[in-house]
PDB file of N, CA and C in Angstrom:
ATOM      1  N   UNK A   1     122.622  59.603  62.919  1.00  0.00           N
ATOM      2  CA  UNK A   1     121.704  58.794  63.054  1.00  0.00           C
ATOM      3  C   UNK A   1     120.722  58.646  62.100  1.00  0.00           C
ATOM      4  N   UNK A   2     119.846  58.272  61.869  1.00  0.00           N
ATOM      5  CA  UNK A   2     118.903  58.409  60.463  1.00  0.00           C
ATOM      6  C   UNK A   2     117.611  59.186  61.097  1.00  0.00           C
ATOM      7  N   UNK A   3     116.782  60.027  61.023  1.00  0.00           N
ATOM      8  CA  UNK A   3     115.978  60.488  60.483  1.00  0.00           C
ATOM      9  C   UNK A   3     114.666  59.610  60.629  1.00  0.00           C
ATOM     10  N   UNK A   4     113.241  59.993  60.992  1.00  0.00           N
ATOM     11  CA  UNK A   4     112.488  59.411  60.960  1.00  0.00           C
ATOM     12  C   UNK A   4     111.079  59.612  59.322  1.00  0.00           C
ATOM     13  N   UNK A   5     110.588  58.089  59.192  1.00  0.00           N
ATOM     14  CA  UNK A   5     110.120  58.606  57.803  1.00  0.00           C
ATOM     15  C   UNK A   5     109.040  59.981  58.082  1.00  0.00           C
ATOM     16  N   UNK A   6     108.337  60.423  56.830  1.00  0.00           N
ATOM     17  CA  UNK A   6     107.624  61.410  56.628  1.00  0.00           C
ATOM     18  C   UNK A   6     106.215  60.820  56.867  1.00  0.00           C
ATOM     19  N   UNK A   7     105.903  59.356  57.034  1.00  0.00           N
ATOM     20  CA  UNK A   7     104.555  58.445  57.379  1.00  0.00           C
ATOM     21  C   UNK A   7     104.717  58.715  58.551  1.00  0.00           C
ATOM     22  N   UNK A   8     106.098  57.970  59.124  1.00  0.00           N
ATOM     23  CA  UNK A   8     105.891  57.990  60.963  1.00  0.00           C
ATOM     24  C   UNK A   8     105.562  59.641  61.625  1.00  0.00           C
ATOM     25  N   UNK A   9     106.391  60.105  60.687  1.00  0.00           N
ATOM     26  CA  UNK A   9     106.283  61.971  61.696  1.00  0.00           C
ATOM     27  C   UNK A   9     104.652  62.421  61.634  1.00  0.00           C
ATOM     28  N   UNK A  10     104.136  61.543  60.630  1.00  0.00           N
ATOM     29  CA  UNK A  10     102.503  62.560  60.056  1.00  0.00           C
ATOM     30  C   UNK A  10     101.886  61.709  61.289  1.00  0.00           C
ATOM     31  N   UNK A  11     101.929  60.212  61.130  1.00  0.00           N
ATOM     32  CA  UNK A  11     100.904  59.595  61.646  1.00  0.00           C
ATOM     33  C   UNK A  11     101.225  60.270  63.507  1.00  0.00           C
ATOM     34  N   UNK A  12     102.943  60.688  63.980  1.00  0.00           N
ATOM     35  CA  UNK A  12     102.791  60.852  65.728  1.00  0.00           C
ATOM     36  C   UNK A  12     102.355  61.918  65.478  1.00  0.00           C
ATOM     37  N   UNK A  13     102.493  62.932  64.581  1.00  0.00           N
ATOM     38  CA  UNK A  13     101.531  64.295  64.806  1.00  0.00           C
ATOM     39  C   UNK A  13     100.084  64.303  64.503  1.00  0.00           C
ATOM     40  N   UNK A  14      99.462  63.413  64.109  1.00  0.00           N
ATOM     41  CA  UNK A  14      98.123  63.351  64.041  1.00  0.00           C
ATOM     42  C   UNK A  14      97.328  62.278  65.214  1.00  0.00           C
ATOM     43  N   UNK A  15      98.280  61.692  66.351  1.00  0.00           N
ATOM     44  CA  UNK A  15      98.271  60.784  67.118  1.00  0.00           C
ATOM     45  C   UNK A  15      97.903  62.342  68.303  1.00  0.00           C
ATOM     46  N   UNK A  16      98.989  62.956  68.445  1.00  0.00           N
ATOM     47  CA  UNK A  16      99.440  64.340  69.604  1.00  0.00           C
ATOM     48  C   UNK A  16      98.332  65.137  69.347  1.00  0.00           C
ATOM     49  N   UNK A  17      97.942  65.327  67.756  1.00  0.00           N
ATOM     50  CA  UNK A  17      96.548  66.058  67.720  1.00  0.00           C
ATOM     51  C   UNK A  17      95.488  65.782  68.296  1.00  0.00           C
ATOM     52  N   UNK A  18      95.096  64.871  68.159  1.00  0.00           N
ATOM     53  CA  UNK A  18      94.131  63.906  68.785  1.00  0.00           C
ATOM     54  C   UNK A  18      93.933  63.634  70.217  1.00  0.00           C
ATOM     55  N   UNK A  19      95.760  63.739  70.968  1.00  0.00           N
ATOM     56  CA  UNK A  19      95.115  63.667  72.769  1.00  0.00           C
ATOM     57  C   UNK A  19      94.577  65.127  72.788  1.00  0.00           C
ATOM     58  N   UNK A  20      95.595  65.751  72.610  1.00  0.00           N
ATOM     59  CA  UNK A  20      95.269  67.294  72.595  1.00  0.00           C
ATOM     60  C   UNK A  20      93.971  67.495  72.402  1.00  0.00           C
ATOM     61  N   UNK A  21      92.859  67.157  71.243  1.00  0.00           N
ATOM     62  CA  UNK A  21      91.816  67.417  71.346  1.00  0.00           C
ATOM     63  C   UNK A  21      90.834  67.021  72.191  1.00  0.00           C
ATOM     64  N   UNK A  22      91.250  65.652  72.453  1.00  0.00           N
ATOM     65  CA  UNK A  22      90.420  64.732  73.930  1.00  0.00           C
ATOM     66  C   UNK A  22      90.997  65.791  75.239  1.00  0.00           C
ATOM     67  N   UNK A  23      91.831  66.449  75.487  1.00  0.00           N
ATOM     68  CA  UNK A  23      92.406  66.736  76.597  1.00  0.00           C
ATOM     69  C   UNK A  23      91.625  68.260  76.627  1.00  0.00           C
ATOM     70  N   UNK A  24      91.647  69.345  75.422  1.00  0.00           N
ATOM     71  CA  UNK A  24      90.936  70.224  75.488  1.00  0.00           C
ATOM     72  C   UNK A  24      88.877  70.089  76.333  1.00  0.00           C
ATOM     73  N   UNK A  25      88.705  68.696  75.126  1.00  0.00           N
ATOM     74  CA  UNK A  25      87.203  68.537  75.480  1.00  0.00           C
ATOM     75  C   UNK A  25      87.081  68.450  77.247  1.00  0.00           C
ATOM     76  N   UNK A  26      87.546  67.402  77.125  1.00  0.00           N
ATOM     77  CA  UNK A  26      87.603  66.995  78.983  1.00  0.00           C
ATOM     78  C   UNK A  26      87.877  68.371  79.806  1.00  0.00           C
ATOM     79  N   UNK A  27      88.691  69.027  79.581  1.00  0.00           N
ATOM     80  CA  UNK A  27      88.792  69.606  80.280  1.00  0.00           C
ATOM     81  C   UNK A  27      87.663  70.842  79.830  1.00  0.00           C
ATOM     82  N   UNK A  28      87.092  71.030  79.329  1.00  0.00           N
ATOM     83  CA  UNK A  28      85.941  71.896  79.120  1.00  0.00           C
ATOM     84  C   UNK A  28      85.092  71.202  79.520  1.00  0.00           C
ATOM     85  N   UNK A  29      84.719  69.814  79.984  1.00  0.00           N
ATOM     86  CA  UNK A  29      83.544  68.896  80.133  1.00  0.00           C
ATOM     87  C   UNK A  29      83.919  69.217  81.854  1.00  0.00           C
ATOM     88  N   UNK A  30      84.813  69.603  82.369  1.00  0.00           N
ATOM     89  CA  UNK A  30      85.418  69.530  83.896  1.00  0.00           C
ATOM     90  C   UNK A  30      84.860  70.974  84.484  1.00  0.00           C
ATOM     91  N   UNK A  31      85.004  71.636  83.492  1.00  0.00           N
ATOM     92  CA  UNK A  31      84.788  73.406  83.700  1.00  0.00           C
ATOM     93  C   UNK A  31      83.428  73.424  83.572  1.00  0.00           C
ATOM     94  N   UNK A  32      82.603  73.484  83.113  1.00  0.00           N
ATOM     95  CA  UNK A  32      81.251  72.953  82.955  1.00  0.00           C
ATOM     96  C   UNK A  32      80.372  72.165  84.183  1.00  0.00           C
ATOM     97  N   UNK A  33      81.284  70.883  84.667  1.00  0.00           N
ATOM     98  CA  UNK A  33      80.831  70.487  86.121  1.00  0.00           C
ATOM     99  C   UNK A  33      81.309  71.533  87.322  1.00  0.00           C
ATOM    100  N   UNK A  34      82.398  72.112  87.409  1.00  0.00           N
ATOM    101  CA  UNK A  34      82.635  72.718  88.539  1.00  0.00           C
ATOM    102  C   UNK A  34      81.154  74.156  87.797  1.00  0.00           C
ATOM    103  N   UNK A  35      80.763  74.801  87.857  1.00  0.00           N
ATOM    104  CA  UNK A  35      80.385  75.727  87.620  1.00  0.00           C
ATOM    105  C   UNK A  35      79.291  75.284  87.902  1.00  0.00           C
ATOM    106  N   UNK A  36      78.554  74.355  87.602  1.00  0.00           N
ATOM    107  CA  UNK A  36      77.503  73.896  87.812  1.00  0.00           C
ATOM    108  C   UNK A  36      77.474  73.119  89.293  1.00  0.00           C
ATOM    109  N   UNK A  37      78.493  72.536  89.684  1.00  0.00           N
ATOM    110  CA  UNK A  37      78.359  72.135  91.427  1.00  0.00           C
ATOM    111  C   UNK A  37      78.967  73.237  92.117  1.00  0.00           C
ATOM    112  N   UNK A  38      79.081  74.200  91.413  1.00  0.00           N
ATOM    113  CA  UNK A  38      79.587  75.474  92.427  1.00  0.00           C
ATOM    114  C   UNK A  38      79.113  76.639  92.213  1.00  0.00           C
ATOM    115  N   UNK A  39      77.829  76.673  91.613  1.00  0.00           N
ATOM    116  CA  UNK A  39      77.130  78.201  91.312  1.00  0.00           C
ATOM    117  C   UNK A  39      76.666  78.714  91.919  1.00  0.00           C
ATOM    118  N   UNK A  40      75.996  78.071  93.166  1.00  0.00           N
ATOM    119  CA  UNK A  40      75.617  78.745  94.704  1.00  0.00           C
ATOM    120  C   UNK A  40      76.997  80.212  95.335  1.00  0.00           C
ATOM    121  N   UNK A  41      77.942  79.589  95.101  1.00  0.00           N
ATOM    122  CA  UNK A  41      78.736  80.227  95.602  1.00  0.00           C
ATOM    123  C   UNK A  41      79.822  81.391  94.406  1.00  0.00           C
ATOM    124  N   UNK A  42      79.191  81.212  93.434  1.00  0.00           N
ATOM    125  CA  UNK A  42      79.321  82.133  92.096  1.00  0.00           C
ATOM    126  C   UNK A  42      78.198  83.152  92.172  1.00  0.00           C
ATOM    127  N   UNK A  43      76.910  82.554  92.481  1.00  0.00           N
ATOM    128  CA  UNK A  43      76.154  83.756  92.803  1.00  0.00           C
ATOM    129  C   UNK A  43      76.310  84.795  93.535  1.00  0.00           C
ATOM    130  N   UNK A  44      75.611  85.872  93.503  1.00  0.00           N
ATOM    131  CA  UNK A  44      75.728  87.749  94.469  1.00  0.00           C
ATOM    132  C   UNK A  44      74.263  87.139  95.103  1.00  0.00           C
ATOM    133  N   UNK A  45      74.640  87.139  95.988  1.00  0.00           N
ATOM    134  CA  UNK A  45      73.356  87.296  97.284  1.00  0.00           C
ATOM    135  C   UNK A  45      72.604  88.517  96.812  1.00  0.00           C
ATOM    136  N   UNK A  46      71.364  88.512  97.540  1.00  0.00           N
ATOM    137  CA  UNK A  46      70.313  89.932  97.183  1.00  0.00           C
ATOM    138  C   UNK A  46      70.726  91.147  98.837  1.00  0.00           C
ATOM    139  N   UNK A  47      71.364  90.159  99.325  1.00  0.00           N
ATOM    140  CA  UNK A  47      71.149  90.753 100.777  1.00  0.00           C
ATOM    141  C   UNK A  47      72.698  91.172 100.766  1.00  0.00           C
ATOM    142  N   UNK A  48      73.806  91.507 100.293  1.00  0.00           N
ATOM    143  CA  UNK A  48      74.940  91.996 100.677  1.00  0.00           C
ATOM    144  C   UNK A  48      74.997  93.144 100.671  1.00  0.00           C
ATOM    145  N   UNK A  49      76.383  93.740 101.778  1.00  0.00           N
ATOM    146  CA  UNK A  49      76.423  95.275 101.885  1.00  0.00           C
ATOM    147  C   UNK A  49      77.315  95.258 100.647  1.00  0.00           C
ATOM    148  N   UNK A  50      77.047  96.508  99.876  1.00  0.00           N
ATOM    149  CA  UNK A  50      77.567  97.245  99.136  1.00  0.00           C
ATOM    150  C   UNK A  50      78.845  97.631  99.588  1.00  0.00           C
ATOM    151  N   UNK A  51      80.203  97.947  98.939  1.00  0.00           N
ATOM    152  CA  UNK A  51      81.570  98.627  99.480  1.00  0.00           C
ATOM    153  C   UNK A  51      81.223  99.813  99.668  1.00  0.00           C
ATOM    154  N   UNK A  52      80.199 100.870  99.626  1.00  0.00           N
ATOM    155  CA  UNK A  52      79.798 102.138  99.912  1.00  0.00           C
ATOM    156  C   UNK A  52      79.576 101.513 101.585  1.00  0.00           C
ATOM    157  N   UNK A  53      78.271 100.910 101.391  1.00  0.00           N
ATOM    158  CA  UNK A  53      77.675 100.789 102.631  1.00  0.00           C
ATOM    159  C   UNK A  53      78.626  99.780 103.856  1.00  0.00           C
ATOM    160  N   UNK A  54      79.938  99.697 104.018  1.00  0.00           N
ATOM    161  CA  UNK A  54      80.814  98.767 104.703  1.00  0.00           C
ATOM    162  C   UNK A  54      81.644  99.519 105.015  1.00  0.00           C
ATOM    163  N   UNK A  55      82.224 100.470 103.848  1.00  0.00           N
ATOM    164  CA  UNK A  55      83.086 101.519 104.346  1.00  0.00           C
ATOM    165  C   UNK A  55      82.834 102.739 105.509  1.00  0.00           C
ATOM    166  N   UNK A  56      81.441 103.022 105.281  1.00  0.00           N
ATOM    167  CA  UNK A  56      80.534 103.932 105.920  1.00  0.00           C
ATOM    168  C   UNK A  56      80.518 103.421 107.379  1.00  0.00           C
ATOM    169  N   UNK A  57      80.117 101.622 107.161  1.00  0.00           N
ATOM    170  CA  UNK A  57      79.956 101.790 108.977  1.00  0.00           C
ATOM    171  C   UNK A  57      81.389 101.097 109.387  1.00  0.00           C
ATOM    172  N   UNK A  58      82.691 100.715 109.214  1.00  0.00           N
ATOM    173  CA  UNK A  58      83.813 100.739 109.557  1.00  0.00           C
ATOM    174  C   UNK A  58      84.391 102.541 110.178  1.00  0.00           C
ATOM    175  N   UNK A  59      83.745 103.451 109.290  1.00  0.00           N
ATOM    176  CA  UNK A  59      84.230 104.661 109.998  1.00  0.00           C
ATOM    177  C   UNK A  59      83.635 105.191 111.342  1.00  0.00           C
ATOM    178  N   UNK A  60      81.954 104.454 111.411  1.00  0.00           N
ATOM    179  CA  UNK A  60      81.091 104.812 112.598  1.00  0.00           C
ATOM    180  C   UNK A  60      82.039 104.115 113.300  1.00  0.00           C
ATOM    181  N   UNK A  61      82.681 103.025 113.341  1.00  0.00           N
ATOM    182  CA  UNK A  61      83.114 102.789 114.927  1.00  0.00           C
ATOM    183  C   UNK A  61      84.628 103.389 115.366  1.00  0.00           C
ATOM    184  N   UNK A  62      84.770 103.861 116.238  1.00  0.00           N
ATOM    185  CA  UNK A  62      85.489 104.739 116.814  1.00  0.00           C
ATOM    186  C   UNK A  62      86.422 103.728 117.235  1.00  0.00           C
ATOM    187  N   UNK A  63      87.714 104.046 116.709  1.00  0.00           N
ATOM    188  CA  UNK A  63      89.456 103.253 116.714  1.00  0.00           C
ATOM    189  C   UNK A  63      90.106 104.091 117.162  1.00  0.00           C
ATOM    190  N   UNK A  64      89.781 105.022 117.832  1.00  0.00           N
ATOM    191  CA  UNK A  64      90.730 106.143 118.521  1.00  0.00           C
ATOM    192  C   UNK A  64      91.075 105.486 119.354  1.00  0.00           C
ATOM    193  N   UNK A  65      90.819 104.685 120.504  1.00  0.00           N
ATOM    194  CA  UNK A  65      91.087 104.216 122.065  1.00  0.00           C
ATOM    195  C   UNK A  65      91.971 103.245 121.778  1.00  0.00           C
ATOM    196  N   UNK A  66      92.453 103.327 122.844  1.00  0.00           N
ATOM    197  CA  UNK A  66      93.716 102.618 123.007  1.00  0.00           C
ATOM    198  C   UNK A  66      93.301 101.616 123.818  1.00  0.00           C
ATOM    199  N   UNK A  67      94.498 100.941 124.836  1.00  0.00           N
ATOM    200  CA  UNK A  67      94.214  99.272 125.522  1.00  0.00           C
ATOM    201  C   UNK A  67      93.544  99.834 126.293  1.00  0.00           C
ATOM    202  N   UNK A  68      93.540 101.431 127.201  1.00  0.00           N
ATOM    203  CA  UNK A  68      92.785 101.718 128.299  1.00  0.00           C
ATOM    204  C   UNK A  68      91.751 102.138 128.333  1.00  0.00           C
ATOM    205  N   UNK A  69      91.385 102.372 127.169  1.00  0.00           N
ATOM    206  CA  UNK A  69      89.924 103.236 126.492  1.00  0.00           C
ATOM    207  C   UNK A  69      89.543 104.515 126.827  1.00  0.00           C
ATOM    208  N   UNK A  70      90.909 104.727 126.638  1.00  0.00           N
ATOM    209  CA  UNK A  70      90.918 106.001 126.321  1.00  0.00           C
ATOM    210  C   UNK A  70      90.867 107.099 124.990  1.00  0.00           C
ATOM    211  N   UNK A  71      90.542 107.880 124.529  1.00  0.00           N
ATOM    212  CA  UNK A  71      90.380 108.687 123.514  1.00  0.00           C
ATOM    213  C   UNK A  71      92.007 109.443 123.483  1.00  0.00           C
ATOM    214  N   UNK A  72      92.539 108.946 121.751  1.00  0.00           N
ATOM    215  CA  UNK A  72      94.077 110.360 122.224  1.00  0.00           C
ATOM    216  C   UNK A  72      93.589 111.601 121.958  1.00  0.00           C
ATOM    217  N   UNK A  73      92.696 111.534 121.250  1.00  0.00           N
ATOM    218  CA  UNK A  73      92.367 112.762 121.275  1.00  0.00           C
ATOM    219  C   UNK A  73      91.821 113.733 122.127  1.00  0.00           C
ATOM    220  N   UNK A  74      91.563 113.236 123.360  1.00  0.00           N
ATOM    221  CA  UNK A  74      91.430 114.185 124.908  1.00  0.00           C
ATOM    222  C   UNK A  74      91.841 114.220 125.778  1.00  0.00           C
ATOM    223  N   UNK A  75      93.531 113.869 125.154  1.00  0.00           N
ATOM    224  CA  UNK A  75      94.627 113.257 126.046  1.00  0.00           C
ATOM    225  C   UNK A  75      95.081 114.919 126.396  1.00  0.00           C
ATOM    226  N   UNK A  76      95.578 115.265 127.296  1.00  0.00           N
ATOM    227  CA  UNK A  76      96.002 117.117 127.560  1.00  0.00           C
ATOM    228  C   UNK A  76      97.329 117.324 126.548  1.00  0.00           C
ATOM    229  N   UNK A  77      97.147 118.245 126.652  1.00  0.00           N
ATOM    230  CA  UNK A  77      98.434 118.732 125.717  1.00  0.00           C
ATOM    231  C   UNK A  77      99.871 119.002 126.278  1.00  0.00           C
ATOM    232  N   UNK A  78      99.558 119.301 127.485  1.00  0.00           N
ATOM    233  CA  UNK A  78     100.880 118.789 128.411  1.00  0.00           C
ATOM    234  C   UNK A  78     101.752 117.255 128.583  1.00  0.00           C
ATOM    235  N   UNK A  79     100.223 116.223 128.703  1.00  0.00           N
ATOM    236  CA  UNK A  79     100.953 115.030 128.766  1.00  0.00           C
ATOM    237  C   UNK A  79     102.117 113.740 127.421  1.00  0.00           C
ATOM    238  N   UNK A  80     102.955 113.291 128.456  1.00  0.00           N
ATOM    239  CA  UNK A  80     103.516 113.023 127.133  1.00  0.00           C
ATOM    240  C   UNK A  80     103.072 111.835 126.665  1.00  0.00           C
ATOM    241  N   UNK A  81     103.031 111.622 125.515  1.00  0.00           N
ATOM    242  CA  UNK A  81     102.332 110.914 124.265  1.00  0.00           C
ATOM    243  C   UNK A  81     103.051 109.128 124.791  1.00  0.00           C
ATOM    244  N   UNK A  82     104.318 109.457 125.399  1.00  0.00           N
ATOM    245  CA  UNK A  82     104.676 107.647 125.743  1.00  0.00           C
ATOM    246  C   UNK A  82     105.269 107.610 127.090  1.00  0.00           C
ATOM    247  N   UNK A  83     104.662 106.410 127.606  1.00  0.00           N
ATOM    248  CA  UNK A  83     104.809 107.296 129.192  1.00  0.00           C
ATOM    249  C   UNK A  83     105.469 105.648 129.396  1.00  0.00           C
ATOM    250  N   UNK A  84     106.631 105.967 130.324  1.00  0.00           N
ATOM    251  CA  UNK A  84     107.911 104.839 130.973  1.00  0.00           C
ATOM    252  C   UNK A  84     106.791 104.022 131.689  1.00  0.00           C
ATOM    253  N   UNK A  85     107.722 102.867 132.052  1.00  0.00           N
ATOM    254  CA  UNK A  85     106.340 101.550 132.997  1.00  0.00           C
ATOM    255  C   UNK A  85     106.757 101.520 134.474  1.00  0.00           C
TER     256      UNK A  85
END
């Protein structure tokens, strides 16, 4: 099978390099447009709670109650943990 001439090979590589360059530039333009379009979603609002505040609020909630509204800690020591229906 005959090989391609060096001239054709260099032209092909030049074309591939140009196409690659154009694609990189277009991706850069698209990225800048996306940043401009969705900048409001990326900006951090000033009134948001910090992670420490969220954790302290979640600890204040009573999460130990069961479906009947009783607290598991208030259960008598002699009462079984699981009751049959």
